[in-house]
Amino acid sequence: PSDIVFVMEEKPHPRFKRDGDDIVHETTLSLKDALCGCTLQVMPLTGPMLTIRKDEVLKPGTTITVANQGMPKKGGGRGNLRIVIKNVQFPSSVPDSAKTGLSNALDACR
């Protein structure tokens, strides 16, 4: 009799990357959402849609961690879901009528 060898290959997921027991979801925000706060909605691997409100400035590279929404762990429990702000979209142009107000608002943020 001979041994049976199984080779398991992990397929890429369209929304998540795996990092050990954690799963990582990368997202892009508008400039307005990145500066003014936003509500993020993420569908986890299991369970209902997660709604996460963030009111602080979110820079590219910011990670939001949601405990126990990752992959099952050996021995029980789950890893985390990490939402990473990958990019912030800038507008392609700013109307002249908005530039003064935008400039004043940004000066107040220093």
Protein backbone atom coordinates (compact mmCIF):
# COMPACT_ATOMS: atom_id res chain seq x y z
CA PRO A 1 0.00 0.00 0.00
CA SER A 2 1.18 3.51 -0.74
CA ASP A 3 0.58 6.78 1.07
CA ILE A 4 -1.93 9.31 -0.16
CA VAL A 5 -0.63 12.87 -0.43
CA PHE A 6 -3.03 15.80 -0.48
CA VAL A 7 -1.86 19.15 -1.79
CA MET A 8 -4.03 22.06 -0.72
CA GLU A 9 -3.79 25.32 -2.57
CA GLU A 10 -5.41 28.48 -1.25
CA LYS A 11 -7.29 30.44 -3.91
CA PRO A 12 -7.22 34.25 -3.76
CA HIS A 13 -10.38 35.82 -2.36
CA PRO A 14 -11.86 38.79 -4.26
CA ARG A 15 -12.16 40.99 -1.11
CA PHE A 16 -9.77 39.62 1.51
CA LYS A 17 -6.16 38.60 1.92
CA ARG A 18 -5.17 36.13 4.60
CA ASP A 19 -2.47 36.92 7.17
CA GLY A 20 -2.26 33.93 9.50
CA ASP A 21 -5.59 33.78 11.33
CA ASP A 22 -6.41 37.38 10.39
CA ILE A 23 -8.06 38.53 7.21
CA VAL A 24 -7.21 41.87 5.62
CA HIS A 25 -9.62 44.00 3.62
CA GLU A 26 -8.12 46.95 1.73
CA THR A 27 -10.32 49.92 0.85
CA THR A 28 -10.14 53.31 -0.82
CA LEU A 29 -11.81 56.42 0.60
CA SER A 30 -12.82 59.69 -0.97
CA LEU A 31 -10.92 62.75 0.24
CA LYS A 32 -14.08 63.97 1.98
CA ASP A 33 -14.52 60.68 3.86
CA ALA A 34 -10.83 60.55 4.78
CA LEU A 35 -10.90 64.07 6.24
CA CYS A 36 -14.41 64.31 7.68
CA GLY A 37 -15.11 60.76 8.84
CA CYS A 38 -17.29 58.09 7.34
CA THR A 39 -19.23 54.92 7.88
CA LEU A 40 -17.53 51.80 6.52
CA GLN A 41 -19.58 48.75 5.66
CA VAL A 42 -17.77 45.45 5.30
CA MET A 43 -19.29 42.04 4.72
CA PRO A 44 -17.25 39.60 6.83
CA LEU A 45 -16.65 35.98 5.87
CA THR A 46 -19.53 34.93 8.11
CA GLY A 47 -22.35 36.80 9.78
CA PRO A 48 -24.15 40.04 9.01
CA MET A 49 -22.73 43.21 7.42
CA LEU A 50 -20.42 45.14 9.77
CA THR A 51 -20.98 48.88 10.05
CA ILE A 52 -18.07 50.85 11.50
CA ARG A 53 -18.25 54.60 12.14
CA LYS A 54 -14.95 56.51 12.15
CA ASP A 55 -14.94 60.23 12.95
CA GLU A 56 -11.20 60.86 12.88
CA VAL A 57 -8.96 61.64 9.91
CA LEU A 58 -8.10 58.38 8.11
CA LYS A 59 -4.75 58.40 6.31
CA PRO A 60 -3.52 55.80 3.83
CA GLY A 61 -2.02 52.97 5.85
CA THR A 62 -4.47 53.36 8.76
CA THR A 63 -5.65 49.97 10.04
CA ILE A 64 -8.99 49.42 11.76
CA THR A 65 -9.13 46.10 13.63
CA VAL A 66 -12.38 44.23 14.29
CA ALA A 67 -11.77 41.46 16.82
CA ASN A 68 -12.93 37.88 16.22
CA GLN A 69 -14.02 38.36 12.58
CA GLY A 70 -11.11 36.52 10.96
CA MET A 71 -10.35 32.87 10.27
CA PRO A 72 -11.11 30.14 12.79
CA LYS A 73 -8.14 29.29 15.01
CA LYS A 74 -7.00 25.82 15.96
CA GLY A 75 -8.20 25.26 19.50
CA GLY A 76 -11.07 27.76 19.23
CA GLY A 77 -11.65 31.43 18.68
CA ARG A 78 -11.13 33.48 15.56
CA GLY A 79 -8.52 35.84 14.20
CA ASN A 80 -9.24 39.49 13.49
CA LEU A 81 -10.55 41.41 10.50
CA ARG A 82 -8.15 44.23 9.62
CA ILE A 83 -9.50 47.00 7.41
CA VAL A 84 -6.63 48.91 5.81
CA ILE A 85 -7.08 52.32 4.21
CA LYS A 86 -5.10 51.63 1.06
CA ASN A 87 -5.71 54.84 -0.84
CA VAL A 88 -7.47 58.21 -0.72
CA GLN A 89 -9.02 59.45 -3.95
CA PHE A 90 -8.44 63.09 -4.75
CA PRO A 91 -10.81 65.02 -7.00
CA SER A 92 -9.54 65.64 -10.52
CA SER A 93 -10.30 69.35 -10.14
CA VAL A 94 -11.66 71.88 -7.64
CA PRO A 95 -14.03 74.61 -8.84
CA ASP A 96 -12.71 78.14 -8.36
CA SER A 97 -15.81 78.94 -6.30
CA ALA A 98 -14.80 76.30 -3.73
CA LYS A 99 -11.08 77.01 -3.49
CA THR A 100 -11.20 79.88 -0.97
CA GLY A 101 -13.51 78.03 1.41
CA LEU A 102 -11.51 74.83 1.08
CA SER A 103 -8.25 76.69 1.65
CA ASN A 104 -9.64 78.39 4.77
CA ALA A 105 -10.96 75.10 6.14
CA LEU A 106 -7.63 73.37 5.60
CA ASP A 107 -5.71 76.28 7.19
CA ALA A 108 -7.79 75.71 10.34
CA CYS A 109 -6.52 72.11 10.50
CA ARG A 110 -2.86 72.90 11.03
